[in-house]
Amino acid sequence: MATLTQGAITVQEFSDRNALVVFTANKFGTELNFGEKTSRPYIGIAMEAQTAPSAIDDPKFGDITLSPDQPRHEQIRYHFSY
């Protein structure tokens, strides 16, 4: 789904979900404290594998129907290297 790299650090995200939502911390200021460090713009990113919101109306995303008698399993894996 995604690969993020900064210097020698790489994070890869793999999933059988059909969408990836990305949140960034672009508008952070210095008002948050993280232990001994404070926040700043562009300090973080979050990636969430999920079902595409438009999948209900778009068949290219596959069948997203949830049935009570059929359990469904989705997998998300991360690989970190540094």
N, C-alpha and C. Protein backbone atom coordinates (compact mmCIF):
# COMPACT_ATOMS: atom_id res chain seq x y z
N MET A 1 0.81 -1.19 0.00
CA MET A 1 0.00 0.00 0.00
C MET A 1 0.85 1.26 0.00
N ALA A 2 1.88 1.29 0.87
CA ALA A 2 2.67 2.51 0.97
C ALA A 2 4.06 2.19 1.50
N THR A 3 5.00 3.02 1.10
CA THR A 3 6.36 2.97 1.63
C THR A 3 6.77 4.39 1.98
N LEU A 4 7.22 4.57 3.22
CA LEU A 4 7.72 5.87 3.68
C LEU A 4 9.19 5.71 4.02
N THR A 5 9.98 6.66 3.57
CA THR A 5 11.42 6.61 3.85
C THR A 5 11.90 7.97 4.30
N GLN A 6 12.71 7.96 5.36
CA GLN A 6 13.41 9.16 5.79
C GLN A 6 14.80 8.74 6.19
N GLY A 7 15.78 9.17 5.43
CA GLY A 7 17.15 8.75 5.70
C GLY A 7 17.26 7.24 5.56
N ALA A 8 17.80 6.58 6.59
CA ALA A 8 17.96 5.12 6.56
C ALA A 8 16.74 4.38 7.09
N ILE A 9 15.71 5.09 7.51
CA ILE A 9 14.52 4.47 8.09
C ILE A 9 13.45 4.31 7.01
N THR A 10 12.90 3.10 6.90
CA THR A 10 11.83 2.81 5.95
C THR A 10 10.70 2.08 6.66
N VAL A 11 9.47 2.49 6.40
CA VAL A 11 8.28 1.81 6.90
C VAL A 11 7.45 1.43 5.69
N GLN A 12 7.11 0.15 5.59
CA GLN A 12 6.23 -0.32 4.52
C GLN A 12 4.93 -0.82 5.13
N GLU A 13 3.81 -0.49 4.49
CA GLU A 13 2.51 -0.97 4.95
C GLU A 13 1.91 -1.83 3.84
N PHE A 14 1.46 -3.03 4.24
CA PHE A 14 0.84 -3.98 3.33
C PHE A 14 -0.55 -4.30 3.86
N SER A 15 -1.53 -4.43 2.97
CA SER A 15 -2.88 -4.74 3.42
C SER A 15 -3.70 -5.29 2.27
N ASP A 16 -4.72 -6.08 2.61
CA ASP A 16 -5.67 -6.52 1.60
C ASP A 16 -6.89 -5.61 1.57
N ARG A 17 -6.85 -4.52 2.31
CA ARG A 17 -7.91 -3.51 2.23
C ARG A 17 -7.77 -2.76 0.91
N ASN A 18 -8.78 -1.99 0.51
CA ASN A 18 -8.75 -1.36 -0.80
C ASN A 18 -8.51 0.15 -0.77
N ALA A 19 -8.17 0.70 0.37
CA ALA A 19 -7.91 2.15 0.44
C ALA A 19 -6.92 2.46 1.55
N LEU A 20 -6.26 3.56 1.39
CA LEU A 20 -5.32 4.05 2.39
C LEU A 20 -5.65 5.51 2.67
N VAL A 21 -5.90 5.81 3.93
CA VAL A 21 -6.16 7.19 4.34
C VAL A 21 -4.91 7.69 5.05
N VAL A 22 -4.45 8.87 4.65
CA VAL A 22 -3.23 9.43 5.22
C VAL A 22 -3.56 10.73 5.94
N PHE A 23 -3.12 10.81 7.19
CA PHE A 23 -3.27 12.03 7.99
C PHE A 23 -1.88 12.58 8.24
N THR A 24 -1.72 13.89 8.12
CA THR A 24 -0.42 14.50 8.40
C THR A 24 -0.57 15.58 9.47
N ALA A 25 0.53 15.92 10.07
CA ALA A 25 0.53 16.90 11.15
C ALA A 25 1.02 18.25 10.63
N ASN A 26 0.60 18.62 9.44
CA ASN A 26 1.09 19.85 8.82
C ASN A 26 0.82 21.10 9.64
N LYS A 27 -0.33 21.15 10.29
CA LYS A 27 -0.72 22.38 10.98
C LYS A 27 -0.41 22.38 12.48
N PHE A 28 0.36 21.40 12.93
CA PHE A 28 0.74 21.41 14.34
C PHE A 28 1.57 22.65 14.63
N GLY A 29 1.42 23.15 15.85
CA GLY A 29 2.26 24.23 16.33
C GLY A 29 3.20 23.66 17.38
N THR A 30 3.59 24.47 18.34
CA THR A 30 4.48 24.00 19.40
C THR A 30 3.73 23.81 20.72
N GLU A 31 2.39 23.75 20.67
CA GLU A 31 1.58 23.69 21.89
C GLU A 31 1.49 22.29 22.52
N LEU A 32 1.88 21.24 21.81
CA LEU A 32 1.80 19.88 22.35
C LEU A 32 3.16 19.44 22.86
N ASN A 33 3.13 18.68 23.95
CA ASN A 33 4.38 18.15 24.52
C ASN A 33 4.42 16.64 24.35
N PHE A 34 5.54 16.14 23.90
CA PHE A 34 5.80 14.71 23.77
C PHE A 34 6.98 14.37 24.66
N GLY A 35 6.73 14.18 25.93
CA GLY A 35 7.83 13.95 26.85
C GLY A 35 8.68 15.19 26.95
N GLU A 36 9.91 15.10 26.56
CA GLU A 36 10.82 16.24 26.62
C GLU A 36 10.84 17.06 25.33
N LYS A 37 10.05 16.66 24.34
CA LYS A 37 10.04 17.36 23.06
C LYS A 37 8.69 18.01 22.83
N THR A 38 8.68 19.05 22.01
CA THR A 38 7.42 19.72 21.68
C THR A 38 7.09 19.47 20.21
N SER A 39 5.82 19.65 19.89
CA SER A 39 5.38 19.44 18.52
C SER A 39 5.86 20.57 17.62
N ARG A 40 5.73 20.32 16.34
CA ARG A 40 6.06 21.32 15.33
C ARG A 40 5.35 20.91 14.04
N PRO A 41 5.21 21.80 13.09
CA PRO A 41 4.58 21.43 11.83
C PRO A 41 5.31 20.26 11.16
N TYR A 42 4.55 19.38 10.55
CA TYR A 42 5.06 18.23 9.79
C TYR A 42 5.78 17.20 10.66
N ILE A 43 5.45 17.14 11.96
CA ILE A 43 6.15 16.22 12.86
C ILE A 43 5.71 14.76 12.71
N GLY A 44 4.54 14.51 12.14
CA GLY A 44 4.09 13.13 12.09
C GLY A 44 3.18 12.83 10.92
N ILE A 45 2.95 11.52 10.75
CA ILE A 45 2.05 11.04 9.72
C ILE A 45 1.38 9.76 10.23
N ALA A 46 0.13 9.57 9.87
CA ALA A 46 -0.60 8.34 10.22
C ALA A 46 -1.18 7.77 8.93
N MET A 47 -1.06 6.45 8.78
CA MET A 47 -1.62 5.77 7.61
C MET A 47 -2.60 4.72 8.09
N GLU A 48 -3.83 4.78 7.59
CA GLU A 48 -4.86 3.83 8.00
C GLU A 48 -5.38 3.08 6.78
N ALA A 49 -5.16 1.78 6.75
CA ALA A 49 -5.75 0.95 5.69
C ALA A 49 -7.21 0.72 6.05
N GLN A 50 -8.11 0.95 5.10
CA GLN A 50 -9.53 0.77 5.36
C GLN A 50 -10.27 0.48 4.06
N THR A 51 -11.56 0.31 4.16
CA THR A 51 -12.39 0.12 2.97
C THR A 51 -12.72 1.49 2.40
N ALA A 52 -12.56 1.63 1.10
CA ALA A 52 -12.82 2.91 0.44
C ALA A 52 -14.26 3.34 0.68
N PRO A 53 -14.46 4.59 1.07
CA PRO A 53 -15.83 5.07 1.32
C PRO A 53 -16.75 4.92 0.11
N SER A 54 -16.22 5.02 -1.09
CA SER A 54 -17.06 4.90 -2.28
C SER A 54 -17.23 3.45 -2.76
N ALA A 55 -16.67 2.49 -2.02
CA ALA A 55 -16.74 1.09 -2.43
C ALA A 55 -18.17 0.56 -2.51
N ILE A 56 -19.07 1.11 -1.75
CA ILE A 56 -20.46 0.67 -1.77
C ILE A 56 -21.09 0.91 -3.14
N ASP A 57 -20.63 1.95 -3.86
CA ASP A 57 -21.20 2.31 -5.16
C ASP A 57 -20.31 1.99 -6.35
N ASP A 58 -19.10 1.49 -6.09
CA ASP A 58 -18.16 1.26 -7.17
C ASP A 58 -17.69 -0.19 -7.17
N PRO A 59 -18.13 -1.01 -8.13
CA PRO A 59 -17.80 -2.43 -8.12
C PRO A 59 -16.32 -2.74 -8.31
N LYS A 60 -15.52 -1.80 -8.77
CA LYS A 60 -14.09 -2.09 -8.95
C LYS A 60 -13.38 -2.36 -7.62
N PHE A 61 -14.01 -1.97 -6.50
CA PHE A 61 -13.42 -2.23 -5.19
C PHE A 61 -13.76 -3.61 -4.64
N GLY A 62 -14.56 -4.38 -5.35
CA GLY A 62 -14.92 -5.72 -4.91
C GLY A 62 -16.12 -5.70 -3.97
N ASP A 63 -16.50 -6.88 -3.53
CA ASP A 63 -17.66 -7.03 -2.66
C ASP A 63 -17.28 -6.66 -1.23
N ILE A 64 -17.94 -5.67 -0.68
CA ILE A 64 -17.65 -5.25 0.70
C ILE A 64 -18.80 -5.61 1.65
N THR A 65 -19.72 -6.46 1.19
CA THR A 65 -20.87 -6.85 2.01
C THR A 65 -20.42 -7.63 3.24
N LEU A 66 -20.94 -7.26 4.40
CA LEU A 66 -20.68 -7.98 5.65
C LEU A 66 -21.92 -8.78 6.01
N SER A 67 -21.76 -10.09 6.14
CA SER A 67 -22.87 -10.96 6.52
C SER A 67 -22.66 -11.46 7.93
N PRO A 68 -23.73 -11.53 8.74
CA PRO A 68 -23.57 -11.97 10.14
C PRO A 68 -23.10 -13.41 10.26
N ASP A 69 -23.36 -14.24 9.26
CA ASP A 69 -22.98 -15.65 9.36
C ASP A 69 -21.64 -15.96 8.68
N GLN A 70 -20.98 -14.95 8.14
CA GLN A 70 -19.69 -15.14 7.49
C GLN A 70 -18.66 -14.18 8.08
N PRO A 71 -17.80 -14.68 8.96
CA PRO A 71 -16.76 -13.80 9.51
C PRO A 71 -15.85 -13.30 8.39
N ARG A 72 -15.36 -12.12 8.56
CA ARG A 72 -14.45 -11.53 7.57
C ARG A 72 -13.16 -11.16 8.26
N HIS A 73 -12.07 -11.44 7.61
CA HIS A 73 -10.76 -11.16 8.18
C HIS A 73 -9.98 -10.29 7.20
N GLU A 74 -9.48 -9.17 7.67
CA GLU A 74 -8.61 -8.30 6.88
C GLU A 74 -7.27 -8.22 7.59
N GLN A 75 -6.21 -8.09 6.83
CA GLN A 75 -4.88 -8.07 7.43
C GLN A 75 -4.13 -6.80 7.05
N ILE A 76 -3.43 -6.25 8.02
CA ILE A 76 -2.54 -5.11 7.80
C ILE A 76 -1.19 -5.50 8.40
N ARG A 77 -0.14 -5.37 7.62
CA ARG A 77 1.21 -5.66 8.10
C ARG A 77 2.11 -4.46 7.89
N TYR A 78 3.06 -4.30 8.78
CA TYR A 78 4.06 -3.23 8.68
C TYR A 78 5.44 -3.86 8.69
N HIS A 79 6.34 -3.32 7.92
CA HIS A 79 7.73 -3.75 7.93
C HIS A 79 8.59 -2.52 8.16
N PHE A 80 9.39 -2.56 9.21
CA PHE A 80 10.27 -1.44 9.56
C PHE A 80 11.71 -1.87 9.27
N SER A 81 12.47 -1.02 8.65
CA SER A 81 13.90 -1.29 8.47
C SER A 81 14.68 0.00 8.75
N TYR A 82 15.84 -0.18 9.36
CA TYR A 82 16.69 0.96 9.71
C TYR A 82 18.12 0.52 9.86
